[in-house]
Amino acid sequence: MAYDSKFKRDDIDELFRAVLTLEDEEDCYRFFEDICTINEIHSIAQRLHVAKLLDEKKTYSEIEEMTGASTATISRINKCLVYGADGYKRVLSRL
């Protein structure tokens, strides 16, 4: 069954097609260094790390200490894990 995103647009489709062309970590580093700021890359990486730790049943205080993420960020990510589009879950199960 196809997922119907509320954010779907042609330019976003093109971005995702571009991401799907990346073949290895070097490609990812090169592309993301060009398309994102270093702070954006760090934020995205931190969110994935928080999602992984939540999936491992770590407490908010453990996650805050390990990642430096605020409790608001941790809470937002937890909400995505519980009520979101299953994006984190799908990626975490594949890592």
N, C-alpha and C. Protein backbone atom coordinates (compact mmCIF):
# COMPACT_ATOMS: atom_id res chain seq x y z
N MET A 1 0.84 -1.18 0.00
CA MET A 1 0.00 0.00 0.00
C MET A 1 0.89 1.24 0.00
N ALA A 2 0.61 2.17 -0.88
CA ALA A 2 1.39 3.39 -1.00
C ALA A 2 1.05 4.36 0.13
N TYR A 3 2.07 5.06 0.60
CA TYR A 3 1.88 6.06 1.65
C TYR A 3 1.53 7.39 1.01
N ASP A 4 0.51 8.05 1.50
CA ASP A 4 0.06 9.33 0.97
C ASP A 4 0.47 10.43 1.94
N SER A 5 1.61 11.07 1.71
CA SER A 5 2.14 12.09 2.59
C SER A 5 1.38 13.40 2.44
N LYS A 6 1.18 14.08 3.55
CA LYS A 6 0.54 15.40 3.52
C LYS A 6 1.52 16.47 3.01
N PHE A 7 2.80 16.12 2.86
CA PHE A 7 3.81 17.06 2.40
C PHE A 7 4.18 16.86 0.93
N LYS A 8 3.53 15.94 0.25
CA LYS A 8 3.92 15.55 -1.11
C LYS A 8 3.87 16.73 -2.07
N ARG A 9 5.01 16.94 -2.74
CA ARG A 9 5.13 17.97 -3.78
C ARG A 9 6.17 17.48 -4.78
N ASP A 10 6.13 18.03 -5.97
CA ASP A 10 7.07 17.62 -7.02
C ASP A 10 8.53 17.87 -6.62
N ASP A 11 8.81 19.03 -6.00
CA ASP A 11 10.19 19.32 -5.64
C ASP A 11 10.70 18.39 -4.54
N ILE A 12 9.82 17.99 -3.64
CA ILE A 12 10.20 17.03 -2.59
C ILE A 12 10.41 15.65 -3.20
N ASP A 13 9.55 15.28 -4.14
CA ASP A 13 9.75 14.01 -4.86
C ASP A 13 11.13 13.98 -5.51
N GLU A 14 11.54 15.09 -6.13
CA GLU A 14 12.84 15.15 -6.79
C GLU A 14 13.97 15.03 -5.77
N LEU A 15 13.82 15.68 -4.62
CA LEU A 15 14.82 15.56 -3.56
C LEU A 15 14.97 14.10 -3.13
N PHE A 16 13.87 13.42 -2.91
CA PHE A 16 13.93 12.04 -2.46
C PHE A 16 14.49 11.12 -3.53
N ARG A 17 14.17 11.39 -4.80
CA ARG A 17 14.78 10.61 -5.89
C ARG A 17 16.30 10.83 -5.89
N ALA A 18 16.73 12.06 -5.61
CA ALA A 18 18.17 12.35 -5.54
C ALA A 18 18.82 11.55 -4.41
N VAL A 19 18.18 11.52 -3.25
CA VAL A 19 18.72 10.77 -2.11
C VAL A 19 18.81 9.28 -2.46
N LEU A 20 17.83 8.78 -3.16
CA LEU A 20 17.84 7.36 -3.53
C LEU A 20 18.95 7.00 -4.52
N THR A 21 19.56 8.01 -5.16
CA THR A 21 20.67 7.72 -6.08
C THR A 21 22.00 7.58 -5.34
N LEU A 22 22.06 7.98 -4.06
CA LEU A 22 23.32 7.91 -3.31
C LEU A 22 23.71 6.46 -3.10
N GLU A 23 24.96 6.14 -3.41
CA GLU A 23 25.39 4.74 -3.41
C GLU A 23 26.18 4.32 -2.19
N ASP A 24 26.81 5.26 -1.49
CA ASP A 24 27.62 4.89 -0.33
C ASP A 24 27.75 6.09 0.61
N GLU A 25 28.47 5.88 1.72
CA GLU A 25 28.61 6.96 2.70
C GLU A 25 29.32 8.17 2.12
N GLU A 26 30.30 7.94 1.25
CA GLU A 26 30.99 9.08 0.63
C GLU A 26 30.01 9.93 -0.18
N ASP A 27 29.16 9.28 -0.98
CA ASP A 27 28.13 10.01 -1.72
C ASP A 27 27.26 10.82 -0.75
N CYS A 28 26.87 10.20 0.36
CA CYS A 28 26.02 10.87 1.34
C CYS A 28 26.72 12.08 1.94
N TYR A 29 27.97 11.91 2.36
CA TYR A 29 28.72 13.04 2.91
C TYR A 29 28.81 14.18 1.90
N ARG A 30 29.16 13.85 0.68
CA ARG A 30 29.32 14.89 -0.35
C ARG A 30 28.00 15.62 -0.61
N PHE A 31 26.91 14.86 -0.76
CA PHE A 31 25.61 15.47 -1.07
C PHE A 31 25.10 16.29 0.12
N PHE A 32 25.11 15.70 1.30
CA PHE A 32 24.55 16.40 2.46
C PHE A 32 25.40 17.60 2.87
N GLU A 33 26.72 17.54 2.67
CA GLU A 33 27.55 18.72 2.95
C GLU A 33 27.21 19.86 2.01
N ASP A 34 26.80 19.55 0.80
CA ASP A 34 26.42 20.59 -0.16
C ASP A 34 25.00 21.11 0.09
N ILE A 35 24.09 20.23 0.46
CA ILE A 35 22.68 20.62 0.52
C ILE A 35 22.24 21.12 1.90
N CYS A 36 22.98 20.75 2.95
CA CYS A 36 22.61 21.12 4.32
C CYS A 36 23.74 21.90 4.98
N THR A 37 23.39 22.66 6.00
CA THR A 37 24.42 23.25 6.85
C THR A 37 24.91 22.16 7.80
N ILE A 38 26.07 22.38 8.39
CA ILE A 38 26.59 21.40 9.33
C ILE A 38 25.64 21.26 10.52
N ASN A 39 25.01 22.35 10.95
CA ASN A 39 24.05 22.27 12.06
C ASN A 39 22.83 21.44 11.69
N GLU A 40 22.38 21.54 10.44
CA GLU A 40 21.25 20.72 10.00
C GLU A 40 21.61 19.24 10.00
N ILE A 41 22.80 18.92 9.53
CA ILE A 41 23.25 17.52 9.54
C ILE A 41 23.33 17.01 10.96
N HIS A 42 23.91 17.81 11.85
CA HIS A 42 24.01 17.41 13.26
C HIS A 42 22.63 17.20 13.87
N SER A 43 21.70 18.08 13.57
CA SER A 43 20.34 17.96 14.12
C SER A 43 19.64 16.70 13.63
N ILE A 44 19.78 16.42 12.35
CA ILE A 44 19.15 15.21 11.79
C ILE A 44 19.77 13.96 12.41
N ALA A 45 21.10 13.95 12.52
CA ALA A 45 21.80 12.80 13.12
C ALA A 45 21.38 12.63 14.58
N GLN A 46 21.26 13.74 15.30
CA GLN A 46 20.85 13.68 16.70
C GLN A 46 19.43 13.11 16.83
N ARG A 47 18.53 13.53 15.95
CA ARG A 47 17.15 13.01 16.00
C ARG A 47 17.12 11.51 15.78
N LEU A 48 17.90 11.02 14.83
CA LEU A 48 17.94 9.58 14.59
C LEU A 48 18.52 8.86 15.80
N HIS A 49 19.55 9.42 16.40
CA HIS A 49 20.16 8.81 17.59
C HIS A 49 19.13 8.77 18.73
N VAL A 50 18.40 9.86 18.92
CA VAL A 50 17.36 9.90 19.96
C VAL A 50 16.30 8.83 19.69
N ALA A 51 15.88 8.71 18.44
CA ALA A 51 14.87 7.70 18.09
C ALA A 51 15.38 6.30 18.40
N LYS A 52 16.64 6.06 18.09
CA LYS A 52 17.24 4.74 18.38
C LYS A 52 17.24 4.47 19.88
N LEU A 53 17.61 5.46 20.67
CA LEU A 53 17.65 5.29 22.12
C LEU A 53 16.24 5.12 22.71
N LEU A 54 15.27 5.85 22.18
CA LEU A 54 13.89 5.66 22.62
C LEU A 54 13.42 4.25 22.28
N ASP A 55 13.78 3.78 21.10
CA ASP A 55 13.43 2.42 20.69
C ASP A 55 14.07 1.38 21.60
N GLU A 56 15.23 1.73 22.17
CA GLU A 56 15.92 0.85 23.12
C GLU A 56 15.40 1.03 24.55
N LYS A 57 14.34 1.82 24.70
CA LYS A 57 13.66 2.04 25.98
C LYS A 57 14.50 2.82 26.99
N LYS A 58 15.40 3.67 26.52
CA LYS A 58 16.16 4.54 27.41
C LYS A 58 15.22 5.63 27.94
N THR A 59 15.53 6.15 29.12
CA THR A 59 14.71 7.22 29.71
C THR A 59 15.08 8.56 29.08
N TYR A 60 14.18 9.53 29.23
CA TYR A 60 14.45 10.87 28.72
C TYR A 60 15.74 11.43 29.31
N SER A 61 15.96 11.24 30.61
CA SER A 61 17.16 11.80 31.24
C SER A 61 18.42 11.11 30.72
N GLU A 62 18.37 9.81 30.47
CA GLU A 62 19.51 9.11 29.88
C GLU A 62 19.80 9.65 28.48
N ILE A 63 18.74 9.82 27.71
CA ILE A 63 18.89 10.29 26.33
C ILE A 63 19.42 11.72 26.31
N GLU A 64 18.89 12.55 27.19
CA GLU A 64 19.35 13.94 27.28
C GLU A 64 20.84 13.98 27.60
N GLU A 65 21.27 13.16 28.53
CA GLU A 65 22.67 13.11 28.92
C GLU A 65 23.55 12.57 27.80
N MET A 66 23.08 11.55 27.09
CA MET A 66 23.88 10.91 26.04
C MET A 66 23.98 11.73 24.76
N THR A 67 22.91 12.49 24.45
CA THR A 67 22.85 13.17 23.15
C THR A 67 22.91 14.69 23.23
N GLY A 68 22.57 15.24 24.39
CA GLY A 68 22.48 16.69 24.50
C GLY A 68 21.17 17.24 23.97
N ALA A 69 20.27 16.37 23.54
CA ALA A 69 18.97 16.81 23.03
C ALA A 69 18.11 17.31 24.19
N SER A 70 17.29 18.30 23.91
CA SER A 70 16.39 18.82 24.93
C SER A 70 15.24 17.83 25.14
N THR A 71 14.59 17.94 26.29
CA THR A 71 13.44 17.06 26.55
C THR A 71 12.32 17.35 25.55
N ALA A 72 12.23 18.60 25.08
CA ALA A 72 11.21 18.93 24.06
C ALA A 72 11.48 18.17 22.77
N THR A 73 12.74 18.12 22.36
CA THR A 73 13.11 17.37 21.16
C THR A 73 12.86 15.88 21.35
N ILE A 74 13.25 15.36 22.50
CA ILE A 74 13.04 13.94 22.79
C ILE A 74 11.55 13.62 22.76
N SER A 75 10.75 14.48 23.36
CA SER A 75 9.30 14.28 23.38
C SER A 75 8.71 14.31 21.98
N ARG A 76 9.16 15.24 21.15
CA ARG A 76 8.66 15.34 19.77
C ARG A 76 9.00 14.08 18.98
N ILE A 77 10.20 13.56 19.18
CA ILE A 77 10.61 12.35 18.47
C ILE A 77 9.82 11.15 18.99
N ASN A 78 9.60 11.11 20.29
CA ASN A 78 8.79 10.02 20.85
C ASN A 78 7.38 10.05 20.28
N LYS A 79 6.83 11.24 20.12
CA LYS A 79 5.48 11.38 19.53
C LYS A 79 5.47 10.83 18.11
N CYS A 80 6.54 11.09 17.36
CA CYS A 80 6.65 10.55 16.00
C CYS A 80 6.72 9.02 16.02
N LEU A 81 7.46 8.48 16.98
CA LEU A 81 7.56 7.02 17.08
C LEU A 81 6.21 6.38 17.40
N VAL A 82 5.42 7.07 18.22
CA VAL A 82 4.13 6.51 18.65
C VAL A 82 3.02 6.81 17.63
N TYR A 83 2.96 8.04 17.14
CA TYR A 83 1.83 8.47 16.31
C TYR A 83 2.20 8.86 14.88
N GLY A 84 3.47 8.77 14.54
CA GLY A 84 3.93 9.28 13.25
C GLY A 84 3.71 8.34 12.08
N ALA A 85 4.45 8.59 11.03
CA ALA A 85 4.30 7.87 9.77
C ALA A 85 5.14 6.60 9.71
N ASP A 86 5.73 6.20 10.82
CA ASP A 86 6.57 5.01 10.93
C ASP A 86 7.90 5.12 10.19
N GLY A 87 8.30 6.34 9.84
CA GLY A 87 9.57 6.54 9.16
C GLY A 87 10.75 6.11 10.01
N TYR A 88 10.78 6.57 11.28
CA TYR A 88 11.86 6.17 12.17
C TYR A 88 11.88 4.65 12.33
N LYS A 89 10.73 4.07 12.58
CA LYS A 89 10.66 2.62 12.81
C LYS A 89 11.17 1.84 11.61
N ARG A 90 10.78 2.26 10.43
CA ARG A 90 11.21 1.55 9.22
C ARG A 90 12.73 1.62 9.05
N VAL A 91 13.30 2.81 9.29
CA VAL A 91 14.75 2.96 9.14
C VAL A 91 15.49 2.20 10.24
N LEU A 92 15.02 2.33 11.48
CA LEU A 92 15.70 1.65 12.58
C LEU A 92 15.70 0.14 12.41
N SER A 93 14.63 -0.41 11.88
CA SER A 93 14.58 -1.85 11.67
C SER A 93 15.55 -2.31 10.59
N ARG A 94 15.97 -1.39 9.72
CA ARG A 94 16.88 -1.73 8.63
C ARG A 94 18.35 -1.50 8.96
N LEU A 95 18.60 -0.77 10.03
CA LEU A 95 20.00 -0.46 10.38
C LEU A 95 20.65 -1.64 11.10
